[in-house]
Every structure is written in C-alpha cells, then in structure tokens.
Amino acid sequence: MPWPKDHKSRTRRKIVAAASTTFRADGIEHVRVEDVMARAGLTHGGFYAHFVSKAELLREALDYAAEQTVEALSKPLADVPSEARWRTVIDSYLSPTHVAHPEAGCPLASLGAEVARADSATRKRLANVVRGRLAWMRQLVPQGRPRAAADKEVIGSAACMLGGVILARAVGGNEASAILSACREFIHEREG
C-alpha cells in the first residue's frame, strides 16, 4: 500500500517537533541525530531523506520552537483586556512553569548562547527569531507611548525576561523564585 501524499511532510514535521524538544532539553552539542530520530519514533537512516545536516534541522527546530513560544504566551491573552496584555506576557514568561520546562519553553532562553556560536546560517536564523519576538512584543505595549520609548521598553524587558529565566534555571529552588519575582517587579515598575 502506498504512503499517503502528505506522508513525507508529516514525517518532516514530526522530526522537527522532536528536535525542537530535544535541543531545548539537552542542548545542541550533546544531541545526536539518532537521539532526535528515536524521539520521533523513527530510525536514524531516514534522517537524510528529510535534511541535509543537523544544522539544517536545528534551524527549522528554532523556528518551530519560536512559534510554539508565541502561541503559548498568546493563549492567556484572549481573556485579558488590551491594557493588561503586556503585563500578562511578562508574568507568563517569568513563571516557575517556564523555568521548569526548558524542553517546551523559549528557545532563546534555552539555546540562545549555544546557537550564537553556531554556523552563519544558524546565527542568522536566531537573529530572525529575535527580531520576530521583538516585533510580536511591540504590538503588546499599551498604545500612546512614543515609538522610541516603546522600543526601549520592549528590548530592555526582553533582555530582563531572558536573563531572568536563565538565572532562575541556573540556581533553582527558592532562589529561582526570588529571581523571577525580582525580574517581574523590575519590569512592571518601569511600566509607569
């Protein structure tokens, strides 16, 4: 019996999703193609029917993870008034749940430093993820602020949010909670 028409594209998406989770959980260097394929429930031999290299897979996994992150941060916004959207995203990002689950969280927080040392094409993809995230965050800032002030707020907040998650993951426990709380308060105080 022949494969369905969309079999190859569905299999590719399955591999990208598995890679996205695996890279965020374990880092890039320590993850082998075999690990990704096993997580996807596939054999190692099928990898090269879909990807030229691990680097190509990483680039697609970064995009996938970035989309997942924005979707996760957007979910609670449906029931929130527009003036509270910015605060809601900050609080969701700087949460104990996000810190506890790097495999499902923001790829910038879990992979950013490692990807920054990758090949040129992968670094460019990371730069596009950063630009996309900042653009998405800009549309959450309450209306009426001058563009320059809003940009400064978005970039400063994004840096604090990323750093806060990284620091909280590094120390864990009660110290992690204190770091997350301090970062949330710091950003909220800047909101005016």
Protein backbone atom coordinates (compact mmCIF):
# COMPACT_ATOMS: atom_id res chain seq x y z
CA MET A 1 0.00 0.00 0.00
CA PRO A 2 1.48 3.40 -0.96
CA TRP A 3 2.17 6.16 1.54
CA PRO A 4 -0.39 8.99 1.73
CA LYS A 5 0.54 12.10 -0.29
CA ASP A 6 1.44 14.13 2.79
CA HIS A 7 3.47 11.36 4.46
CA LYS A 8 6.84 13.00 3.82
CA SER A 9 5.75 16.44 5.05
CA ARG A 10 4.09 14.94 8.16
CA THR A 11 7.23 12.92 8.91
CA ARG A 12 9.41 16.01 8.48
CA ARG A 13 7.18 17.99 10.90
CA LYS A 14 7.40 15.11 13.38
CA ILE A 15 11.21 15.18 13.20
CA VAL A 16 11.30 18.98 13.61
CA ALA A 17 8.99 18.81 16.64
CA ALA A 18 11.13 16.10 18.23
CA ALA A 19 14.31 18.05 17.51
CA SER A 20 12.83 21.22 18.93
CA THR A 21 12.03 19.49 22.20
CA THR A 22 15.30 17.55 22.36
CA PHE A 23 17.56 20.52 21.59
CA ARG A 24 15.81 22.71 24.18
CA ALA A 25 16.02 19.95 26.79
CA ASP A 26 19.59 18.77 26.22
CA GLY A 27 21.40 21.44 24.23
CA ILE A 28 22.71 21.24 20.70
CA GLU A 29 26.16 19.76 21.10
CA HIS A 30 25.06 16.71 23.08
CA VAL A 31 22.10 15.82 20.88
CA ARG A 32 22.82 13.39 18.08
CA VAL A 33 20.69 12.83 15.01
CA GLU A 34 20.00 9.34 16.37
CA ASP A 35 18.54 10.88 19.54
CA VAL A 36 16.16 13.09 17.58
CA MET A 37 15.03 10.29 15.31
CA ALA A 38 14.44 7.96 18.28
CA ARG A 39 12.36 10.64 20.00
CA ALA A 40 10.34 10.97 16.78
CA GLY A 41 9.84 7.19 16.73
CA LEU A 42 11.86 6.81 13.53
CA THR A 43 15.10 5.15 12.50
CA HIS A 44 18.33 7.05 12.03
CA GLY A 45 18.55 6.05 8.38
CA GLY A 46 15.51 8.10 7.41
CA PHE A 47 17.00 11.40 8.55
CA TYR A 48 18.80 12.24 5.31
CA ALA A 49 15.63 11.80 3.27
CA HIS A 50 14.44 14.98 5.03
CA PHE A 51 17.51 17.03 5.99
CA VAL A 52 20.97 17.66 4.63
CA SER A 53 22.52 18.14 8.08
CA LYS A 54 21.90 18.52 11.79
CA ALA A 55 22.41 22.29 11.28
CA GLU A 56 19.51 22.43 8.81
CA LEU A 57 17.33 20.56 11.30
CA LEU A 58 18.39 22.95 14.08
CA ARG A 59 17.32 25.97 12.03
CA GLU A 60 13.86 24.52 11.46
CA ALA A 61 13.63 23.46 15.10
CA LEU A 62 14.41 27.05 16.18
CA ASP A 63 11.57 28.37 14.05
CA TYR A 64 9.21 25.72 15.36
CA ALA A 65 10.14 26.45 19.00
CA ALA A 66 9.77 30.21 18.47
CA GLU A 67 6.27 29.71 17.06
CA GLN A 68 5.37 27.42 19.96
CA THR A 69 6.55 30.04 22.45
CA VAL A 70 4.50 32.84 20.93
CA GLU A 71 1.46 30.55 20.78
CA ALA A 72 1.89 29.61 24.46
CA LEU A 73 2.34 33.24 25.51
CA SER A 74 -0.65 34.28 23.39
CA LYS A 75 -3.13 31.78 24.86
CA PRO A 76 -3.85 33.67 28.09
CA LEU A 77 -4.27 36.94 26.16
CA ALA A 78 -7.69 36.01 24.75
CA ASP A 79 -9.40 36.83 28.05
CA VAL A 80 -7.24 39.83 29.00
CA PRO A 81 -8.04 43.47 28.26
CA SER A 82 -5.58 45.09 25.85
CA GLU A 83 -4.03 47.28 28.54
CA ALA A 84 -3.08 44.17 30.59
CA ARG A 85 -1.63 42.10 27.73
CA TRP A 86 1.95 43.30 28.20
CA ARG A 87 1.90 42.50 31.92
CA THR A 88 0.35 39.10 31.27
CA VAL A 89 3.10 38.10 28.82
CA ILE A 90 5.82 39.22 31.22
CA ASP A 91 4.28 37.24 34.07
CA SER A 92 3.76 34.15 31.90
CA TYR A 93 7.32 34.21 30.61
CA LEU A 94 8.84 34.81 34.04
CA SER A 95 6.96 31.91 35.61
CA PRO A 96 8.15 28.86 37.53
CA THR A 97 6.48 26.64 34.91
CA HIS A 98 8.55 28.16 32.11
CA VAL A 99 11.72 27.74 34.14
CA ALA A 100 10.90 24.12 34.98
CA HIS A 101 10.25 23.10 31.38
CA PRO A 102 13.01 24.25 29.02
CA GLU A 103 12.03 21.49 26.57
CA ALA A 104 8.73 23.32 25.96
CA GLY A 105 9.90 26.87 26.57
CA CYS A 106 11.53 29.73 24.76
CA PRO A 107 14.41 28.64 22.51
CA LEU A 108 16.18 31.95 23.13
CA ALA A 109 16.46 31.16 26.84
CA SER A 110 17.46 27.53 26.39
CA LEU A 111 19.61 27.70 23.25
CA GLY A 112 20.50 31.33 22.57
CA ALA A 113 24.09 31.31 23.79
CA GLU A 114 24.84 27.98 22.14
CA VAL A 115 23.29 29.00 18.80
CA ALA A 116 25.22 32.27 18.86
CA ARG A 117 28.36 30.13 18.36
CA ALA A 118 26.87 28.07 15.52
CA ASP A 119 27.39 28.43 11.78
CA SER A 120 26.48 31.65 9.99
CA ALA A 121 23.14 30.42 8.59
CA THR A 122 22.01 29.27 12.03
CA ARG A 123 23.07 32.55 13.67
CA LYS A 124 21.06 34.41 11.02
CA ARG A 125 18.05 32.25 11.82
CA LEU A 126 18.47 33.05 15.52
CA ALA A 127 18.65 36.75 14.66
CA ASN A 128 15.36 36.41 12.77
CA VAL A 129 13.79 34.69 15.78
CA VAL A 130 14.91 37.59 17.98
CA ARG A 131 13.56 40.17 15.52
CA GLY A 132 10.27 38.31 15.27
CA ARG A 133 9.90 38.10 19.03
CA LEU A 134 10.63 41.79 19.49
CA ALA A 135 8.10 42.69 16.78
CA TRP A 136 5.48 40.50 18.45
CA MET A 137 6.22 42.10 21.83
CA ARG A 138 5.97 45.64 20.39
CA GLN A 139 2.34 45.11 19.47
CA LEU A 140 1.59 44.25 23.12
CA VAL A 141 2.89 47.52 24.58
CA PRO A 142 -0.04 49.76 25.57
CA GLN A 143 -0.88 52.38 22.95
CA GLY A 144 0.09 56.01 23.26
CA ARG A 145 3.78 55.62 24.02
CA PRO A 146 6.31 57.20 21.67
CA ARG A 147 7.92 54.62 19.37
CA ALA A 148 11.42 55.12 20.81
CA ALA A 149 10.17 54.68 24.38
CA ALA A 150 8.19 51.58 23.42
CA ASP A 151 11.22 50.07 21.65
CA LYS A 152 13.43 50.73 24.67
CA GLU A 153 10.83 49.13 26.93
CA VAL A 154 10.47 46.06 24.70
CA ILE A 155 14.19 45.47 24.26
CA GLY A 156 15.01 46.07 27.93
CA SER A 157 12.13 43.88 29.06
CA ALA A 158 13.06 41.09 26.65
CA ALA A 159 16.64 41.10 27.92
CA CYS A 160 15.48 41.02 31.54
CA MET A 161 12.98 38.26 30.81
CA LEU A 162 15.57 36.08 29.05
CA GLY A 163 18.20 36.72 31.67
CA GLY A 164 15.74 36.08 34.47
CA VAL A 165 14.80 32.66 33.10
CA ILE A 166 18.43 31.73 32.51
CA LEU A 167 19.47 32.79 36.03
CA ALA A 168 16.48 31.05 37.63
CA ARG A 169 17.31 27.81 35.80
CA ALA A 170 20.92 28.10 36.93
CA VAL A 171 20.15 28.42 40.65
CA GLY A 172 16.84 26.58 41.06
CA GLY A 173 14.68 26.32 44.15
CA ASN A 174 13.75 29.32 46.29
CA GLU A 175 16.48 31.41 44.69
CA ALA A 176 14.84 30.86 41.30
CA SER A 177 11.52 32.10 42.64
CA ALA A 178 13.20 35.19 44.06
CA ILE A 179 14.91 35.94 40.73
CA LEU A 180 11.66 35.57 38.78
CA SER A 181 9.81 37.77 41.23
CA ALA A 182 12.54 40.45 41.15
CA CYS A 183 12.54 40.49 37.35
CA ARG A 184 8.75 40.77 37.14
CA GLU A 185 8.75 43.62 39.67
CA PHE A 186 11.64 45.37 37.94
CA ILE A 187 9.87 45.33 34.56
CA HIS A 188 6.48 46.28 36.00
CA GLU A 189 7.99 49.26 37.84
CA ARG A 190 9.32 50.53 34.50
CA GLU A 191 5.84 50.38 33.01
CA GLY A 192 4.87 53.51 34.89
